[in-house]
Amino acid sequence: MRRIAVYTFFFGTLAACAAIDHSSPQTTVTPPVGQGGSAGGPDKPVEPEEPIEPEEPVEPEEPVEPEDPGTGLETCATQTDVAKRRDLDMILLVDRSGSMNDDGKWSAVTSAIEVFSSDPKSAGMGVGLGYFPDSYSNVCVPCGVCVGYCFNGCCALPTGQFCLSDKDCDKGGICGDLFQCYAGGGNASCKANDYAELEVPLAKLPGVAPQLTASMAGTDPGGGTPTGPALKGALAHAQELANADPTKAVAVVVATDGEPTECQPQGISEIAKLASTAANAAAPVKTFVIGVGTSVVNLNAIASAGGTDKAYLVDANAQTTQVFIDTLDAIREVVVACQYAIPPVQGMILYDLVNVTMATGGKPAKVVPSVASKAACGASGWYYDDPKSPKSIVLCPSSCDAAKASVDTAVEIVYGCGTVLN
């Protein structure tokens, strides 16, 4: 039995050896503990594993606010100033010729000026008032009714002035018999100096409003339309104002119901040249034209030459007063809405080291690029009113619209960094 047992054991061993595949690397497999793999005795009891504590939930991180990128001008800026809109002086030059009595035009225009001057938005503006024609009397008293000099079918009374020619007579007077000046009868002055003297001197609103109202209430239309000398005189007065304070914007607003009928210059091109000269002066003065009625075809040429593109046309109807008010509002905004006076700085201003930033809607300020002129304006930008001698910074139309669209717009002028160009 022992042989058989030994033989059987030996055979089993051979059989096991024969089953080994030497073509593959041998792998020793160690049986898991507790399944007969221990040669030294019975298996050790397996210790139960420690229960795994659940991980604490991870709190989501607070969103990181992006840092304000700034404008990029912080390191080189030497001075920053809040940009302030330019103050505005406006001379109203109102046509009081006889045709302004038609269709209620005179009443509509004077009522509109009264409302405009009492509007809180107009407070702080300087306003002066002049009329054309300028004469001693705009009312035509027929010859024969009074004792005087008959002129154009109207009675002209002596003024007491000695004269050798009409040039010696003030405010449209004519040199008549016995070397005397006669005035009245609707004869208008053709002297620009007469129109340079305003009926209501320029002063700030609302303080001057009662004077404007009283003057218009005491004026009656009559006579012709001497637009040429009237505009020349008003522009001369406005030019003095602009030269005296270059930080202000100065404009002349002509309200008329027709084209020139008397005095020289009378041609539209000549009158437009007057407006152009003022608009391109060192201290520029813009000319706005409000045409009341339908006989205003050529007024666009005067407005365009005066730097204001085209005339505002107001039909003579029941809505004339409101439309005229809206037009004056629009002119006020056009002149100063996006013009900012250049604040004084210590030392000399280097105009190629000036930048403009604008913040709207509570957002961080952004740099507004500079362009050479209004004609070069694109999606955004600003330019100097006069590249040779800047008095103010003007926003391009698109940037201006963005500035006016938000009540909290902040515009600043930054000095010391190279101007960012568009």
Protein backbone atom coordinates (compact mmCIF):
# COMPACT_ATOMS: atom_id res chain seq x y z
CA MET A 1 0.00 0.00 0.00
CA ARG A 2 2.81 2.37 0.74
CA ARG A 3 4.31 1.80 -2.73
CA ILE A 4 1.10 2.44 -4.40
CA ALA A 5 0.64 5.52 -2.36
CA VAL A 6 4.12 6.76 -3.16
CA TYR A 7 3.82 5.94 -6.82
CA THR A 8 0.53 7.59 -7.04
CA PHE A 9 1.99 10.70 -5.42
CA PHE A 10 4.96 10.63 -7.80
CA PHE A 11 2.78 10.18 -10.82
CA GLY A 12 0.60 13.00 -9.75
CA THR A 13 3.65 15.16 -9.49
CA LEU A 14 4.79 14.23 -12.97
CA ALA A 15 1.43 14.88 -14.35
CA ALA A 16 1.44 18.26 -12.78
CA CYS A 17 4.87 19.04 -14.21
CA ALA A 18 3.88 17.91 -17.63
CA ALA A 19 1.00 20.35 -17.60
CA ILE A 20 3.26 23.38 -17.23
CA ASP A 21 3.48 25.48 -20.39
CA HIS A 22 7.08 26.72 -20.71
CA SER A 23 6.22 28.86 -23.66
CA SER A 24 4.79 31.53 -21.37
CA PRO A 25 6.35 33.16 -18.33
CA GLN A 26 5.35 31.42 -15.16
CA THR A 27 3.17 33.20 -12.75
CA THR A 28 3.07 32.40 -9.08
CA VAL A 29 -0.39 32.75 -7.69
CA THR A 30 -0.65 33.18 -3.98
CA PRO A 31 -4.05 32.05 -2.69
CA PRO A 32 -5.88 34.64 -0.65
CA VAL A 33 -5.42 34.45 3.07
CA GLY A 34 -8.02 32.21 4.66
CA GLN A 35 -8.36 29.95 1.62
CA GLY A 36 -5.64 27.38 2.39
CA GLY A 37 -2.76 29.45 1.18
CA SER A 38 -0.83 29.54 4.47
CA ALA A 39 1.82 26.89 4.87
CA GLY A 40 2.51 27.67 8.46
CA GLY A 41 -0.78 26.81 9.98
CA PRO A 42 -4.38 27.85 10.06
CA ASP A 43 -5.35 31.22 8.60
CA LYS A 44 -5.55 34.29 10.83
CA PRO A 45 -8.97 35.78 11.29
CA VAL A 46 -9.54 38.75 9.00
CA GLU A 47 -9.97 42.00 10.85
CA PRO A 48 -13.11 43.85 9.71
CA GLU A 49 -12.24 46.98 7.77
CA GLU A 50 -12.80 50.37 9.36
CA PRO A 51 -15.96 52.00 7.98
CA ILE A 52 -15.09 54.81 5.59
CA GLU A 53 -16.32 58.15 6.79
CA PRO A 54 -18.24 60.05 4.07
CA GLU A 55 -16.34 63.08 2.82
CA GLU A 56 -17.53 66.50 3.82
CA PRO A 57 -19.49 68.18 0.98
CA VAL A 58 -17.34 70.75 -0.84
CA GLU A 59 -18.77 74.25 -0.63
CA PRO A 60 -18.96 75.91 -4.07
CA GLU A 61 -16.43 78.70 -4.41
CA GLU A 62 -17.68 82.26 -4.48
CA PRO A 63 -17.62 83.63 -8.05
CA VAL A 64 -14.59 85.83 -8.52
CA GLU A 65 -15.50 89.30 -9.70
CA PRO A 66 -13.39 90.26 -12.68
CA GLU A 67 -10.98 93.00 -11.85
CA ASP A 68 -11.71 96.43 -13.27
CA PRO A 69 -9.36 96.56 -16.25
CA GLY A 70 -9.21 100.34 -15.94
CA THR A 71 -8.45 102.54 -18.88
CA GLY A 72 -4.76 101.82 -19.14
CA LEU A 73 -4.00 105.48 -18.42
CA GLU A 74 -3.47 105.11 -14.68
CA THR A 75 0.32 104.91 -14.76
CA CYS A 76 0.99 107.88 -17.02
CA ALA A 77 -1.80 110.31 -16.09
CA THR A 78 -0.65 113.55 -14.50
CA GLN A 79 -4.07 115.18 -14.06
CA THR A 80 -7.71 114.13 -14.47
CA ASP A 81 -10.62 116.54 -14.60
CA VAL A 82 -14.38 116.06 -14.83
CA ALA A 83 -15.46 117.40 -18.22
CA LYS A 84 -18.06 120.15 -17.92
CA ARG A 85 -20.42 121.20 -20.66
CA ARG A 86 -19.71 124.59 -22.15
CA ASP A 87 -21.85 127.53 -21.12
CA LEU A 88 -24.02 128.93 -23.93
CA ASP A 89 -24.74 132.50 -24.95
CA MET A 90 -27.55 132.81 -27.52
CA ILE A 91 -28.60 135.91 -29.45
CA LEU A 92 -32.15 135.70 -30.77
CA LEU A 93 -32.55 137.76 -33.95
CA VAL A 94 -36.27 137.87 -34.67
CA ASP A 95 -37.88 139.02 -37.91
CA ARG A 96 -40.61 141.56 -37.17
CA SER A 97 -41.41 142.48 -40.79
CA GLY A 98 -45.04 143.12 -41.72
CA SER A 99 -45.58 139.58 -43.04
CA MET A 100 -44.99 138.17 -39.55
CA ASN A 101 -48.49 139.41 -38.71
CA ASP A 102 -49.96 136.84 -41.12
CA ASP A 103 -51.31 133.49 -39.90
CA GLY A 104 -50.48 134.26 -36.28
CA LYS A 105 -46.74 133.81 -36.83
CA TRP A 106 -45.68 136.71 -34.60
CA SER A 107 -47.82 135.52 -31.70
CA ALA A 108 -46.58 131.94 -32.06
CA VAL A 109 -42.90 132.90 -32.16
CA THR A 110 -43.03 135.32 -29.24
CA SER A 111 -45.05 132.86 -27.12
CA ALA A 112 -42.49 130.15 -27.84
CA ILE A 113 -39.59 132.36 -26.79
CA GLU A 114 -41.44 133.21 -23.57
CA VAL A 115 -41.94 129.51 -22.75
CA PHE A 116 -38.35 128.63 -23.66
CA SER A 117 -36.92 131.39 -21.47
CA SER A 118 -38.91 130.18 -18.44
CA ASP A 119 -37.96 126.51 -18.92
CA PRO A 120 -35.76 125.30 -16.01
CA LYS A 121 -33.52 123.53 -18.56
CA SER A 122 -32.62 126.96 -19.97
CA ALA A 123 -31.44 128.27 -16.60
CA GLY A 124 -27.90 129.57 -16.75
CA MET A 125 -27.98 130.31 -20.48
CA GLY A 126 -27.17 133.81 -21.61
CA VAL A 127 -29.87 135.20 -23.93
CA GLY A 128 -30.13 138.52 -25.74
CA LEU A 129 -32.83 139.73 -28.16
CA GLY A 130 -32.72 141.82 -31.32
CA TYR A 131 -35.23 142.53 -34.08
CA PHE A 132 -35.15 143.34 -37.75
CA PRO A 133 -36.08 145.69 -39.28
CA ASP A 134 -34.75 148.25 -36.83
CA SER A 135 -36.48 151.58 -37.24
CA TYR A 136 -38.14 154.33 -35.23
CA SER A 137 -41.55 153.07 -36.23
CA ASN A 138 -42.66 150.00 -38.10
CA VAL A 139 -46.20 151.26 -38.52
CA CYS A 140 -47.09 152.82 -41.84
CA VAL A 141 -49.17 155.96 -41.37
CA PRO A 142 -50.53 156.93 -44.83
CA CYS A 143 -49.22 160.14 -46.32
CA GLY A 144 -51.72 162.99 -45.88
CA VAL A 145 -52.80 161.84 -42.44
CA CYS A 146 -49.81 163.47 -40.80
CA VAL A 147 -47.46 166.30 -41.64
CA GLY A 148 -44.13 164.84 -42.58
CA TYR A 149 -42.02 163.43 -45.33
CA CYS A 150 -43.74 160.91 -47.59
CA PHE A 151 -41.63 157.78 -48.06
CA ASN A 152 -42.90 154.69 -49.88
CA GLY A 153 -46.44 155.86 -49.32
CA CYS A 154 -45.93 156.24 -45.57
CA CYS A 155 -45.54 159.31 -43.44
CA ALA A 156 -42.00 159.74 -42.06
CA LEU A 157 -41.52 162.24 -39.23
CA PRO A 158 -38.46 164.45 -38.68
CA THR A 159 -35.98 163.18 -36.07
CA GLY A 160 -34.12 166.45 -35.50
CA GLN A 161 -30.87 165.15 -36.99
CA PHE A 162 -28.97 167.22 -39.54
CA CYS A 163 -28.00 165.31 -42.67
CA LEU A 164 -26.35 165.58 -46.04
CA SER A 165 -27.31 162.04 -47.06
CA ASP A 166 -29.23 159.01 -45.77
CA LYS A 167 -26.01 157.71 -44.18
CA ASP A 168 -26.21 160.50 -41.61
CA CYS A 169 -29.61 159.30 -40.37
CA ASP A 170 -29.98 156.61 -37.68
CA LYS A 171 -32.10 153.46 -37.87
CA GLY A 172 -33.33 153.66 -41.41
CA GLY A 173 -33.95 157.36 -41.45
CA ILE A 174 -33.80 159.20 -44.74
CA CYS A 175 -32.32 162.60 -45.48
CA GLY A 176 -35.20 164.77 -46.67
CA ASP A 177 -36.06 168.41 -47.11
CA LEU A 178 -34.09 171.11 -45.30
CA PHE A 179 -31.26 168.65 -44.54
CA GLN A 180 -33.35 166.88 -41.93
CA CYS A 181 -33.53 163.19 -41.14
CA TYR A 182 -36.98 161.62 -41.34
CA ALA A 183 -37.79 158.22 -39.90
CA GLY A 184 -40.75 155.93 -39.62
CA GLY A 185 -43.21 154.67 -42.14
CA GLY A 186 -41.71 151.18 -42.10
CA ASN A 187 -38.37 152.31 -43.51
CA ALA A 188 -35.79 149.95 -42.10
CA SER A 189 -32.22 150.64 -41.08
CA CYS A 190 -29.60 149.24 -43.40
CA LYS A 191 -26.76 149.79 -40.92
CA ALA A 192 -25.22 146.73 -39.30
CA ASN A 193 -24.26 148.78 -36.23
CA ASP A 194 -27.94 149.38 -35.47
CA TYR A 195 -28.48 145.62 -35.23
CA ALA A 196 -25.38 145.07 -33.14
CA GLU A 197 -27.18 146.96 -30.35
CA LEU A 198 -29.67 144.47 -28.92
CA GLU A 199 -33.12 145.52 -27.77
CA VAL A 200 -32.62 143.29 -24.71
CA PRO A 201 -28.94 143.05 -23.74
CA LEU A 202 -27.60 139.55 -23.17
CA ALA A 203 -28.02 138.27 -19.61
CA LYS A 204 -28.57 134.91 -17.94
CA LEU A 205 -31.88 133.10 -17.65
CA PRO A 206 -34.17 133.06 -15.77
CA GLY A 207 -33.26 136.58 -14.62
CA VAL A 208 -33.62 138.17 -18.06
CA ALA A 209 -36.89 136.36 -18.90
CA PRO A 210 -39.24 139.20 -17.79
CA GLN A 211 -37.34 141.69 -19.97
CA LEU A 212 -37.66 139.41 -22.99
CA THR A 213 -41.40 139.06 -22.45
CA ALA A 214 -41.95 142.79 -21.97
CA SER A 215 -39.96 143.67 -25.07
CA MET A 216 -41.89 141.30 -27.32
CA ALA A 217 -45.22 142.45 -25.89
CA GLY A 218 -44.35 146.04 -26.77
CA THR A 219 -43.31 145.30 -30.36
CA ASP A 220 -45.53 145.27 -33.44
CA PRO A 221 -44.45 143.83 -36.82
CA GLY A 222 -44.08 146.10 -39.81
CA GLY A 223 -41.72 146.93 -42.65
CA GLY A 224 -39.46 144.86 -44.86
CA THR A 225 -36.82 142.17 -44.28
CA PRO A 226 -33.25 143.56 -44.15
CA THR A 227 -31.69 140.18 -43.26
CA GLY A 228 -28.17 141.06 -44.47
CA PRO A 229 -27.28 144.00 -42.22
CA ALA A 230 -29.29 142.50 -39.35
CA LEU A 231 -27.26 139.27 -39.38
CA LYS A 232 -24.00 141.16 -39.89
CA GLY A 233 -24.66 143.29 -36.82
CA ALA A 234 -25.81 140.39 -34.63
CA LEU A 235 -22.76 138.31 -35.60
CA ALA A 236 -20.46 141.22 -34.78
CA HIS A 237 -21.96 141.44 -31.30
CA ALA A 238 -21.74 137.66 -30.86
CA GLN A 239 -18.11 137.70 -31.99
CA GLU A 240 -17.26 140.18 -29.24
CA LEU A 241 -18.83 137.84 -26.69
CA ALA A 242 -16.92 134.83 -28.02
CA ASN A 243 -13.60 136.70 -28.01
CA ALA A 244 -14.18 137.91 -24.46
CA ASP A 245 -14.71 134.37 -23.13
CA PRO A 246 -13.48 131.56 -25.45
CA THR A 247 -14.68 128.88 -23.02
CA LYS A 248 -18.31 129.69 -23.90
CA ALA A 249 -20.28 128.54 -26.91
CA VAL A 250 -21.92 131.47 -28.70
CA ALA A 251 -24.68 131.22 -31.31
CA VAL A 252 -27.01 133.50 -33.25
CA VAL A 253 -30.52 132.18 -33.91
CA VAL A 254 -32.34 133.90 -36.78
CA ALA A 255 -36.13 133.46 -36.85
CA THR A 256 -37.68 134.71 -40.09
CA ASP A 257 -40.65 134.01 -42.34
CA GLY A 258 -39.05 134.88 -45.64
CA GLU A 259 -36.08 135.85 -47.74
CA PRO A 260 -34.40 139.29 -47.71
CA THR A 261 -36.36 142.11 -49.37
CA GLU A 262 -34.22 145.20 -48.81
CA CYS A 263 -30.80 146.61 -47.88
CA GLN A 264 -27.43 145.19 -48.83
CA PRO A 265 -26.18 142.55 -48.79
CA GLN A 266 -29.39 141.03 -50.05
CA GLY A 267 -28.15 138.04 -52.03
CA ILE A 268 -28.30 134.68 -50.22
CA SER A 269 -24.71 133.79 -51.14
CA GLU A 270 -23.43 137.08 -49.71
CA ILE A 271 -25.38 136.62 -46.48
CA ALA A 272 -24.19 133.01 -46.23
CA LYS A 273 -20.61 134.26 -46.48
CA LEU A 274 -21.19 136.38 -43.36
CA ALA A 275 -22.30 133.27 -41.49
CA SER A 276 -19.36 131.25 -42.78
CA THR A 277 -16.82 133.84 -41.70
CA ALA A 278 -18.21 133.84 -38.15
CA ALA A 279 -18.36 130.03 -37.97
CA ASN A 280 -14.71 129.73 -38.97
CA ALA A 281 -13.32 132.52 -36.83
CA ALA A 282 -10.73 131.90 -34.11
CA ALA A 283 -13.58 132.18 -31.59
CA PRO A 284 -16.33 130.61 -33.71
CA VAL A 285 -19.97 131.69 -33.68
CA LYS A 286 -22.59 129.40 -35.19
CA THR A 287 -25.66 130.65 -37.04
CA PHE A 288 -28.94 128.77 -36.68
CA VAL A 289 -31.93 129.62 -38.86
CA ILE A 290 -35.57 128.93 -38.02
CA GLY A 291 -37.83 129.38 -41.01
CA VAL A 292 -41.42 130.15 -40.09
CA GLY A 293 -43.84 129.56 -42.97
CA THR A 294 -43.28 128.37 -46.52
CA SER A 295 -41.15 131.08 -48.17
CA VAL A 296 -37.89 129.79 -46.70
CA VAL A 297 -36.33 127.81 -49.56
CA ASN A 298 -32.93 129.55 -49.55
CA LEU A 299 -32.46 129.67 -45.78
CA ASN A 300 -30.69 126.31 -45.75
CA ALA A 301 -27.70 127.89 -47.45
CA ILE A 302 -27.29 130.41 -44.61
CA ALA A 303 -27.57 127.71 -41.93
CA SER A 304 -25.15 125.39 -43.69
CA ALA A 305 -22.57 128.15 -44.08
CA GLY A 306 -23.06 128.99 -40.41
CA GLY A 307 -21.97 125.52 -39.34
CA THR A 308 -25.42 124.13 -38.50
CA ASP A 309 -26.16 121.93 -41.55
CA LYS A 310 -29.63 123.18 -42.46
CA ALA A 311 -32.47 125.44 -41.39
CA TYR A 312 -35.18 124.32 -39.00
CA LEU A 313 -38.51 124.76 -40.77
CA VAL A 314 -41.66 125.51 -38.78
CA ASP A 315 -45.03 125.55 -40.56
CA ALA A 316 -47.39 128.35 -39.65
CA ASN A 317 -50.28 126.42 -38.11
CA ALA A 318 -51.91 125.69 -34.79
CA GLN A 319 -48.80 123.81 -33.63
CA THR A 320 -46.30 126.54 -34.50
CA THR A 321 -45.69 127.58 -30.89
CA GLN A 322 -44.86 124.06 -29.68
CA VAL A 323 -42.75 123.24 -32.70
CA PHE A 324 -40.81 126.47 -32.25
CA ILE A 325 -40.23 125.57 -28.57
CA ASP A 326 -39.00 122.11 -29.59
CA THR A 327 -36.69 123.70 -32.14
CA LEU A 328 -35.13 126.03 -29.57
CA ASP A 329 -34.69 123.03 -27.25
CA ALA A 330 -32.96 121.11 -30.04
CA ILE A 331 -30.66 124.03 -30.80
CA ARG A 332 -29.70 124.32 -27.14
CA GLU A 333 -28.76 120.64 -27.07
CA VAL A 334 -26.94 120.72 -30.42
CA VAL A 335 -24.70 123.56 -29.28
CA VAL A 336 -23.63 122.28 -25.87
CA ALA A 337 -24.83 118.70 -25.32
CA CYS A 338 -21.51 117.10 -26.26
CA GLN A 339 -19.09 120.01 -26.13
CA TYR A 340 -16.81 120.11 -23.10
CA ALA A 341 -14.59 123.00 -22.16
CA ILE A 342 -10.92 122.07 -21.78
CA PRO A 343 -10.11 122.66 -18.08
CA PRO A 344 -7.01 124.69 -17.26
CA VAL A 345 -3.91 122.73 -16.29
CA GLN A 346 -0.65 123.59 -14.58
CA GLY A 347 1.83 124.63 -17.21
CA MET A 348 1.34 124.23 -20.96
CA ILE A 349 -1.24 121.83 -22.41
CA LEU A 350 0.32 119.31 -24.80
CA TYR A 351 -2.62 118.45 -27.01
CA ASP A 352 -1.13 115.12 -28.11
CA LEU A 353 -1.13 114.02 -24.46
CA VAL A 354 -4.87 114.43 -23.89
CA ASN A 355 -7.40 111.60 -23.62
CA VAL A 356 -11.12 111.35 -22.98
CA THR A 357 -12.80 108.63 -20.94
CA MET A 358 -16.51 107.97 -20.61
CA ALA A 359 -18.48 105.80 -18.18
CA THR A 360 -22.18 105.10 -18.72
CA GLY A 361 -24.76 102.93 -16.97
CA GLY A 362 -22.54 102.27 -13.95
CA LYS A 363 -19.95 100.44 -16.07
CA PRO A 364 -16.18 101.04 -15.85
CA ALA A 365 -14.84 103.99 -17.80
CA LYS A 366 -13.53 103.36 -21.30
CA VAL A 367 -11.17 105.41 -23.41
CA VAL A 368 -12.87 107.27 -26.26
CA PRO A 369 -10.43 107.40 -29.20
CA SER A 370 -9.51 110.67 -30.88
CA VAL A 371 -10.27 111.49 -34.52
CA ALA A 372 -9.03 114.34 -36.67
CA SER A 373 -12.40 116.02 -37.25
CA LYS A 374 -16.15 115.50 -37.35
CA ALA A 375 -15.80 114.15 -40.88
CA ALA A 376 -13.56 111.36 -39.53
CA CYS A 377 -16.04 110.24 -36.86
CA GLY A 378 -16.89 106.53 -36.90
CA ALA A 379 -18.36 104.20 -34.29
CA SER A 380 -17.02 106.40 -31.49
CA GLY A 381 -14.61 109.23 -30.98
CA TRP A 382 -13.94 112.86 -30.10
CA TYR A 383 -12.21 115.78 -31.78
CA TYR A 384 -11.11 119.33 -31.02
CA ASP A 385 -13.42 122.16 -32.03
CA ASP A 386 -10.39 123.93 -33.50
CA PRO A 387 -7.30 121.75 -34.10
CA LYS A 388 -5.01 124.79 -34.25
CA SER A 389 -6.29 126.46 -31.11
CA PRO A 390 -8.62 124.09 -29.21
CA LYS A 391 -11.18 125.57 -26.83
CA SER A 392 -13.30 122.49 -26.30
CA ILE A 393 -13.59 118.76 -26.88
CA VAL A 394 -16.51 117.57 -29.01
CA LEU A 395 -17.89 114.03 -28.93
CA CYS A 396 -18.65 112.37 -32.27
CA PRO A 397 -22.38 111.79 -32.95
CA SER A 398 -22.35 108.11 -31.89
CA SER A 399 -20.44 108.84 -28.67
CA CYS A 400 -22.70 111.82 -28.06
CA ASP A 401 -25.79 109.62 -28.38
CA ALA A 402 -24.29 107.14 -25.89
CA ALA A 403 -23.54 109.97 -23.46
CA LYS A 404 -27.07 111.35 -23.64
CA ALA A 405 -28.68 107.90 -23.32
CA SER A 406 -27.61 107.50 -19.68
CA VAL A 407 -28.42 109.86 -16.82
CA ASP A 408 -25.21 108.94 -14.96
CA THR A 409 -22.75 109.48 -17.79
CA ALA A 410 -19.36 110.66 -16.53
CA VAL A 411 -16.90 112.18 -18.98
CA GLU A 412 -13.34 112.91 -17.85
CA ILE A 413 -10.35 114.53 -19.50
CA VAL A 414 -7.01 112.87 -18.71
CA TYR A 415 -3.69 114.65 -19.24
CA GLY A 416 -0.20 113.16 -19.53
CA CYS A 417 -0.69 110.04 -21.70
CA GLY A 418 -0.24 109.77 -25.45
CA THR A 419 -3.57 110.41 -27.16
CA VAL A 420 -5.33 107.16 -28.11
CA LEU A 421 -6.20 107.45 -31.79
CA ASN A 422 -9.03 105.73 -33.60
